[in-house]
Amino acid sequence: MYIVLAFLANSCSKKDSLPDYAFVIPLYLKWNINGIEYEYRVGENAMFSRSFVLINSDGNRKFVYELHLDGNEFFRITFFSKKNTERPEKDLVHLLNSSEGLPFKTSSGNHPGSVLIEMFASEQLTKSTEIALNEDKKLLTISLRDFTVSEKKYIEAEIRFSCFLISVNDSSLAEITNGEGLIAFRYK
């Protein structure tokens, strides 16, 4: 219920599943937690992925990518916009093209130019925010590709990341290492 309320508090646009056929390599996320490797690929062991843009009350954008694993379990990456005057696709490319990588959001509130990772699994939400341990962590973009399929425009990004997640329920910590993935956003 907490997650739904968070989304209802923002205005949404372009919230739809990303079509499997649009991508040469299936979208995926892969990571290690406590020495155990997890890998989810759309069309194989992940149900679907989607992307959408949220607009805060202050006009700043949040670009959200979700990979739905099973049932209501998901892995979400949110990019907080640095600018709200550019077209969404230029704003997103500007964020993803950061040569130093994007820092993790480490406190509550909006932090333009940062990223947040959330995972909902086994009825527990964990997130990378509000953890000082993430102050030196970054999400890196390895490559970007802009393409069109059936008159719809997408940006695909290959990413790498490592961070700590904290449980909302009991404040326990988990460390994600060797995180990588191929994610995408539809912008037109």
C-alpha atoms as a PDB file:
ATOM      1  CA  MET A   1       0.000   0.000   0.000  1.00  0.00           C
ATOM      2  CA  TYR A   2       2.896   2.364   0.770  1.00  0.00           C
ATOM      3  CA  ILE A   3       4.218   2.121  -2.796  1.00  0.00           C
ATOM      4  CA  VAL A   4       0.828   2.763  -4.394  1.00  0.00           C
ATOM      5  CA  LEU A   5       0.311   5.865  -2.267  1.00  0.00           C
ATOM      6  CA  ALA A   6       3.729   7.164  -3.247  1.00  0.00           C
ATOM      7  CA  PHE A   7       2.811   6.904  -6.917  1.00  0.00           C
ATOM      8  CA  LEU A   8      -0.625   8.437  -6.439  1.00  0.00           C
ATOM      9  CA  ALA A   9       0.989  11.480  -4.857  1.00  0.00           C
ATOM     10  CA  ASN A  10       2.680  12.277  -8.182  1.00  0.00           C
ATOM     11  CA  SER A  11       1.254  12.832 -11.645  1.00  0.00           C
ATOM     12  CA  CYS A  12       2.164  10.116 -14.156  1.00  0.00           C
ATOM     13  CA  SER A  13       2.623   9.998 -17.912  1.00  0.00           C
ATOM     14  CA  LYS A  14       3.588   7.311 -20.468  1.00  0.00           C
ATOM     15  CA  LYS A  15       3.176   4.469 -17.998  1.00  0.00           C
ATOM     16  CA  ASP A  16       3.191   1.319 -20.094  1.00  0.00           C
ATOM     17  CA  SER A  17       5.052  -1.940 -20.525  1.00  0.00           C
ATOM     18  CA  LEU A  18       8.088  -1.921 -22.771  1.00  0.00           C
ATOM     19  CA  PRO A  19       7.531  -4.364 -25.678  1.00  0.00           C
ATOM     20  CA  ASP A  20       9.883  -7.371 -25.746  1.00  0.00           C
ATOM     21  CA  TYR A  21      10.224  -7.220 -29.548  1.00  0.00           C
ATOM     22  CA  ALA A  22      11.731  -3.710 -29.460  1.00  0.00           C
ATOM     23  CA  PHE A  23      15.076  -4.824 -28.029  1.00  0.00           C
ATOM     24  CA  VAL A  24      17.837  -6.824 -29.744  1.00  0.00           C
ATOM     25  CA  ILE A  25      19.137  -8.043 -26.363  1.00  0.00           C
ATOM     26  CA  PRO A  26      16.414  -8.663 -23.751  1.00  0.00           C
ATOM     27  CA  LEU A  27      16.258  -6.046 -21.005  1.00  0.00           C
ATOM     28  CA  TYR A  28      17.776  -7.448 -17.822  1.00  0.00           C
ATOM     29  CA  LEU A  29      19.158  -6.721 -14.381  1.00  0.00           C
ATOM     30  CA  LYS A  30      21.776  -8.791 -12.594  1.00  0.00           C
ATOM     31  CA  TRP A  31      23.295  -8.353  -9.125  1.00  0.00           C
ATOM     32  CA  ASN A  32      24.871 -10.126  -6.131  1.00  0.00           C
ATOM     33  CA  ILE A  33      23.648  -9.968  -2.545  1.00  0.00           C
ATOM     34  CA  ASN A  34      25.702 -11.797   0.092  1.00  0.00           C
ATOM     35  CA  GLY A  35      27.506 -13.818  -2.570  1.00  0.00           C
ATOM     36  CA  ILE A  36      24.293 -15.003  -4.270  1.00  0.00           C
ATOM     37  CA  GLU A  37      23.831 -13.936  -7.887  1.00  0.00           C
ATOM     38  CA  TYR A  38      20.414 -12.882  -9.169  1.00  0.00           C
ATOM     39  CA  GLU A  39      19.650 -12.371 -12.845  1.00  0.00           C
ATOM     40  CA  TYR A  40      16.301 -11.494 -14.408  1.00  0.00           C
ATOM     41  CA  ARG A  41      15.656 -11.137 -18.146  1.00  0.00           C
ATOM     42  CA  VAL A  42      12.438  -9.989 -19.754  1.00  0.00           C
ATOM     43  CA  GLY A  43      10.879 -12.848 -21.690  1.00  0.00           C
ATOM     44  CA  GLU A  44      12.793 -15.466 -19.691  1.00  0.00           C
ATOM     45  CA  ASN A  45      12.366 -15.271 -15.916  1.00  0.00           C
ATOM     46  CA  ALA A  46      11.080 -11.693 -15.549  1.00  0.00           C
ATOM     47  CA  MET A  47       7.447 -10.949 -16.290  1.00  0.00           C
ATOM     48  CA  PHE A  48       7.829  -7.528 -17.938  1.00  0.00           C
ATOM     49  CA  SER A  49       9.494  -4.151 -17.657  1.00  0.00           C
ATOM     50  CA  ARG A  50       8.064  -0.667 -17.893  1.00  0.00           C
ATOM     51  CA  SER A  51       9.159   2.922 -17.710  1.00  0.00           C
ATOM     52  CA  PHE A  52       7.356   6.122 -16.908  1.00  0.00           C
ATOM     53  CA  VAL A  53       7.904   9.722 -15.907  1.00  0.00           C
ATOM     54  CA  LEU A  54       6.651  11.212 -12.646  1.00  0.00           C
ATOM     55  CA  ILE A  55       6.355  14.950 -12.193  1.00  0.00           C
ATOM     56  CA  ASN A  56       6.748  16.320  -8.673  1.00  0.00           C
ATOM     57  CA  SER A  57       4.762  19.260  -7.369  1.00  0.00           C
ATOM     58  CA  ASP A  58       7.879  21.428  -7.917  1.00  0.00           C
ATOM     59  CA  GLY A  59       7.921  20.492 -11.625  1.00  0.00           C
ATOM     60  CA  ASN A  60      11.025  18.283 -11.463  1.00  0.00           C
ATOM     61  CA  ARG A  61      10.888  14.968 -13.285  1.00  0.00           C
ATOM     62  CA  LYS A  62      11.644  11.468 -12.056  1.00  0.00           C
ATOM     63  CA  PHE A  63      12.404   8.855 -14.723  1.00  0.00           C
ATOM     64  CA  VAL A  64      11.419   5.423 -13.422  1.00  0.00           C
ATOM     65  CA  TYR A  65      12.390   1.988 -14.773  1.00  0.00           C
ATOM     66  CA  GLU A  66      10.803  -1.138 -13.265  1.00  0.00           C
ATOM     67  CA  LEU A  67      11.596  -4.781 -13.894  1.00  0.00           C
ATOM     68  CA  HIS A  68       8.758  -6.958 -12.595  1.00  0.00           C
ATOM     69  CA  LEU A  69      10.157 -10.249 -11.367  1.00  0.00           C
ATOM     70  CA  ASP A  70       7.224 -12.363 -10.208  1.00  0.00           C
ATOM     71  CA  GLY A  71       3.749 -11.480  -8.978  1.00  0.00           C
ATOM     72  CA  ASN A  72       4.101  -8.130  -7.238  1.00  0.00           C
ATOM     73  CA  GLU A  73       7.899  -8.308  -6.802  1.00  0.00           C
ATOM     74  CA  PHE A  74       9.949  -5.716  -8.674  1.00  0.00           C
ATOM     75  CA  PHE A  75      13.294  -3.937  -8.964  1.00  0.00           C
ATOM     76  CA  ARG A  76      12.930  -0.168  -9.527  1.00  0.00           C
ATOM     77  CA  ILE A  77      15.512   2.443 -10.531  1.00  0.00           C
ATOM     78  CA  THR A  78      14.505   6.110 -10.279  1.00  0.00           C
ATOM     79  CA  PHE A  79      16.547   8.900 -11.855  1.00  0.00           C
ATOM     80  CA  PHE A  80      15.943  12.367 -10.377  1.00  0.00           C
ATOM     81  CA  SER A  81      16.019  15.131 -12.980  1.00  0.00           C
ATOM     82  CA  LYS A  82      18.513  17.986 -12.786  1.00  0.00           C
ATOM     83  CA  LYS A  83      16.470  20.195 -15.090  1.00  0.00           C
ATOM     84  CA  ASN A  84      12.776  20.643 -15.703  1.00  0.00           C
ATOM     85  CA  THR A  85      12.916  22.951 -18.727  1.00  0.00           C
ATOM     86  CA  GLU A  86      14.273  20.537 -21.327  1.00  0.00           C
ATOM     87  CA  ARG A  87      12.300  18.022 -23.323  1.00  0.00           C
ATOM     88  CA  PRO A  88      12.068  14.724 -21.407  1.00  0.00           C
ATOM     89  CA  GLU A  89      14.368  12.794 -23.756  1.00  0.00           C
ATOM     90  CA  LYS A  90      17.109  15.460 -23.583  1.00  0.00           C
ATOM     91  CA  ASP A  91      16.767  15.602 -19.814  1.00  0.00           C
ATOM     92  CA  LEU A  92      17.092  11.805 -19.566  1.00  0.00           C
ATOM     93  CA  VAL A  93      20.118  11.667 -21.890  1.00  0.00           C
ATOM     94  CA  HIS A  94      21.732  14.471 -19.858  1.00  0.00           C
ATOM     95  CA  LEU A  95      21.277  12.408 -16.676  1.00  0.00           C
ATOM     96  CA  LEU A  96      22.522   9.153 -18.196  1.00  0.00           C
ATOM     97  CA  ASN A  97      25.529  10.806 -19.879  1.00  0.00           C
ATOM     98  CA  SER A  98      27.071  11.923 -16.586  1.00  0.00           C
ATOM     99  CA  SER A  99      30.772  11.121 -17.033  1.00  0.00           C
ATOM    100  CA  GLU A 100      31.326  10.620 -13.286  1.00  0.00           C
ATOM    101  CA  GLY A 101      28.197   8.511 -12.827  1.00  0.00           C
ATOM    102  CA  LEU A 102      25.117   9.381 -10.806  1.00  0.00           C
ATOM    103  CA  PRO A 103      25.361   9.435  -7.016  1.00  0.00           C
ATOM    104  CA  PHE A 104      22.787   7.622  -4.927  1.00  0.00           C
ATOM    105  CA  LYS A 105      20.207   9.728  -3.152  1.00  0.00           C
ATOM    106  CA  THR A 106      21.195   9.483   0.527  1.00  0.00           C
ATOM    107  CA  SER A 107      18.492  11.536   2.254  1.00  0.00           C
ATOM    108  CA  SER A 108      14.786  12.198   1.917  1.00  0.00           C
ATOM    109  CA  GLY A 109      13.473  14.874  -0.440  1.00  0.00           C
ATOM    110  CA  ASN A 110      14.260  15.551  -4.080  1.00  0.00           C
ATOM    111  CA  HIS A 111      17.910  15.446  -5.082  1.00  0.00           C
ATOM    112  CA  PRO A 112      18.284  16.344  -8.779  1.00  0.00           C
ATOM    113  CA  GLY A 113      21.058  14.442 -10.502  1.00  0.00           C
ATOM    114  CA  SER A 114      20.843  11.407  -8.218  1.00  0.00           C
ATOM    115  CA  VAL A 115      19.464   7.875  -8.425  1.00  0.00           C
ATOM    116  CA  LEU A 116      17.432   5.634  -6.112  1.00  0.00           C
ATOM    117  CA  ILE A 117      17.156   1.836  -6.213  1.00  0.00           C
ATOM    118  CA  GLU A 118      14.212   0.047  -4.609  1.00  0.00           C
ATOM    119  CA  MET A 119      13.471  -3.655  -4.487  1.00  0.00           C
ATOM    120  CA  PHE A 120      10.214  -5.219  -3.342  1.00  0.00           C
ATOM    121  CA  ALA A 121      10.589  -8.946  -2.678  1.00  0.00           C
ATOM    122  CA  SER A 122       9.168 -11.371  -0.122  1.00  0.00           C
ATOM    123  CA  GLU A 123       6.697  -8.682   0.967  1.00  0.00           C
ATOM    124  CA  GLN A 124       9.530  -6.390   2.030  1.00  0.00           C
ATOM    125  CA  LEU A 125      10.610  -3.067   0.509  1.00  0.00           C
ATOM    126  CA  THR A 126      14.305  -2.214   0.544  1.00  0.00           C
ATOM    127  CA  LYS A 127      15.769   1.006  -0.822  1.00  0.00           C
ATOM    128  CA  SER A 128      19.100   2.741  -1.321  1.00  0.00           C
ATOM    129  CA  THR A 129      18.083   6.084   0.165  1.00  0.00           C
ATOM    130  CA  GLU A 130      18.892   7.533   3.574  1.00  0.00           C
ATOM    131  CA  ILE A 131      22.021   5.409   3.947  1.00  0.00           C
ATOM    132  CA  ALA A 132      25.294   7.277   4.454  1.00  0.00           C
ATOM    133  CA  LEU A 133      27.109   4.121   3.266  1.00  0.00           C
ATOM    134  CA  ASN A 134      26.028   5.031  -0.300  1.00  0.00           C
ATOM    135  CA  GLU A 135      27.697   8.460  -0.294  1.00  0.00           C
ATOM    136  CA  ASP A 136      30.628   7.199  -2.390  1.00  0.00           C
ATOM    137  CA  LYS A 137      28.573   4.843  -4.587  1.00  0.00           C
ATOM    138  CA  LYS A 138      27.580   5.675  -8.176  1.00  0.00           C
ATOM    139  CA  LEU A 139      25.446   4.268 -10.969  1.00  0.00           C
ATOM    140  CA  LEU A 140      27.469   4.306 -14.193  1.00  0.00           C
ATOM    141  CA  THR A 141      26.160   4.332 -17.748  1.00  0.00           C
ATOM    142  CA  ILE A 142      28.344   2.199 -20.028  1.00  0.00           C
ATOM    143  CA  SER A 143      26.475   2.857 -23.288  1.00  0.00           C
ATOM    144  CA  LEU A 144      23.349   4.586 -24.616  1.00  0.00           C
ATOM    145  CA  ARG A 145      21.277   3.827 -27.694  1.00  0.00           C
ATOM    146  CA  ASP A 146      18.397   5.882 -29.070  1.00  0.00           C
ATOM    147  CA  PHE A 147      16.049   4.042 -31.456  1.00  0.00           C
ATOM    148  CA  THR A 148      12.532   3.915 -32.893  1.00  0.00           C
ATOM    149  CA  VAL A 149      10.188   0.908 -33.180  1.00  0.00           C
ATOM    150  CA  SER A 150       6.656   1.212 -34.594  1.00  0.00           C
ATOM    151  CA  GLU A 151       6.887   5.020 -34.392  1.00  0.00           C
ATOM    152  CA  LYS A 152       7.705   4.869 -30.664  1.00  0.00           C
ATOM    153  CA  LYS A 153      11.011   6.307 -29.453  1.00  0.00           C
ATOM    154  CA  TYR A 154      13.203   4.628 -26.846  1.00  0.00           C
ATOM    155  CA  ILE A 155      16.473   5.213 -25.033  1.00  0.00           C
ATOM    156  CA  GLU A 156      18.321   2.065 -23.983  1.00  0.00           C
ATOM    157  CA  ALA A 157      21.127   2.220 -21.397  1.00  0.00           C
ATOM    158  CA  GLU A 158      23.670  -0.337 -20.258  1.00  0.00           C
ATOM    159  CA  ILE A 159      24.386   0.347 -16.576  1.00  0.00           C
ATOM    160  CA  ARG A 160      26.653  -0.785 -13.711  1.00  0.00           C
ATOM    161  CA  PHE A 161      26.024  -0.204 -10.000  1.00  0.00           C
ATOM    162  CA  SER A 162      26.777  -1.246  -6.413  1.00  0.00           C
ATOM    163  CA  CYS A 163      24.989   0.074  -3.333  1.00  0.00           C
ATOM    164  CA  PHE A 164      23.532  -0.710   0.058  1.00  0.00           C
ATOM    165  CA  LEU A 165      19.797  -1.280   0.525  1.00  0.00           C
ATOM    166  CA  ILE A 166      17.973  -0.785   3.803  1.00  0.00           C
ATOM    167  CA  SER A 167      14.750  -2.567   4.732  1.00  0.00           C
ATOM    168  CA  VAL A 168      11.810  -0.272   5.418  1.00  0.00           C
ATOM    169  CA  ASN A 169      10.399  -2.921   7.781  1.00  0.00           C
ATOM    170  CA  ASP A 170      13.311  -3.700  10.106  1.00  0.00           C
ATOM    171  CA  SER A 171      16.230  -1.449   8.990  1.00  0.00           C
ATOM    172  CA  SER A 172      18.389  -4.469   8.077  1.00  0.00           C
ATOM    173  CA  LEU A 173      21.077  -3.840   5.444  1.00  0.00           C
ATOM    174  CA  ALA A 174      21.934  -5.724   2.274  1.00  0.00           C
ATOM    175  CA  GLU A 175      24.795  -4.902  -0.072  1.00  0.00           C
ATOM    176  CA  ILE A 176      24.301  -5.138  -3.826  1.00  0.00           C
ATOM    177  CA  THR A 177      27.568  -5.772  -5.674  1.00  0.00           C
ATOM    178  CA  ASN A 178      28.367  -6.327  -9.347  1.00  0.00           C
ATOM    179  CA  GLY A 179      25.045  -4.825 -10.402  1.00  0.00           C
ATOM    180  CA  GLU A 180      24.555  -4.466 -14.124  1.00  0.00           C
ATOM    181  CA  GLY A 181      21.748  -4.291 -16.590  1.00  0.00           C
ATOM    182  CA  LEU A 182      20.200  -3.170 -19.821  1.00  0.00           C
ATOM    183  CA  ILE A 183      17.281  -0.834 -19.135  1.00  0.00           C
ATOM    184  CA  ALA A 184      15.119   1.328 -21.390  1.00  0.00           C
ATOM    185  CA  PHE A 185      12.760   4.273 -21.393  1.00  0.00           C
ATOM    186  CA  ARG A 186      10.040   5.155 -23.875  1.00  0.00           C
ATOM    187  CA  TYR A 187       9.828   8.905 -24.389  1.00  0.00           C
ATOM    188  CA  LYS A 188       7.537   9.408 -27.437  1.00  0.00           C
END
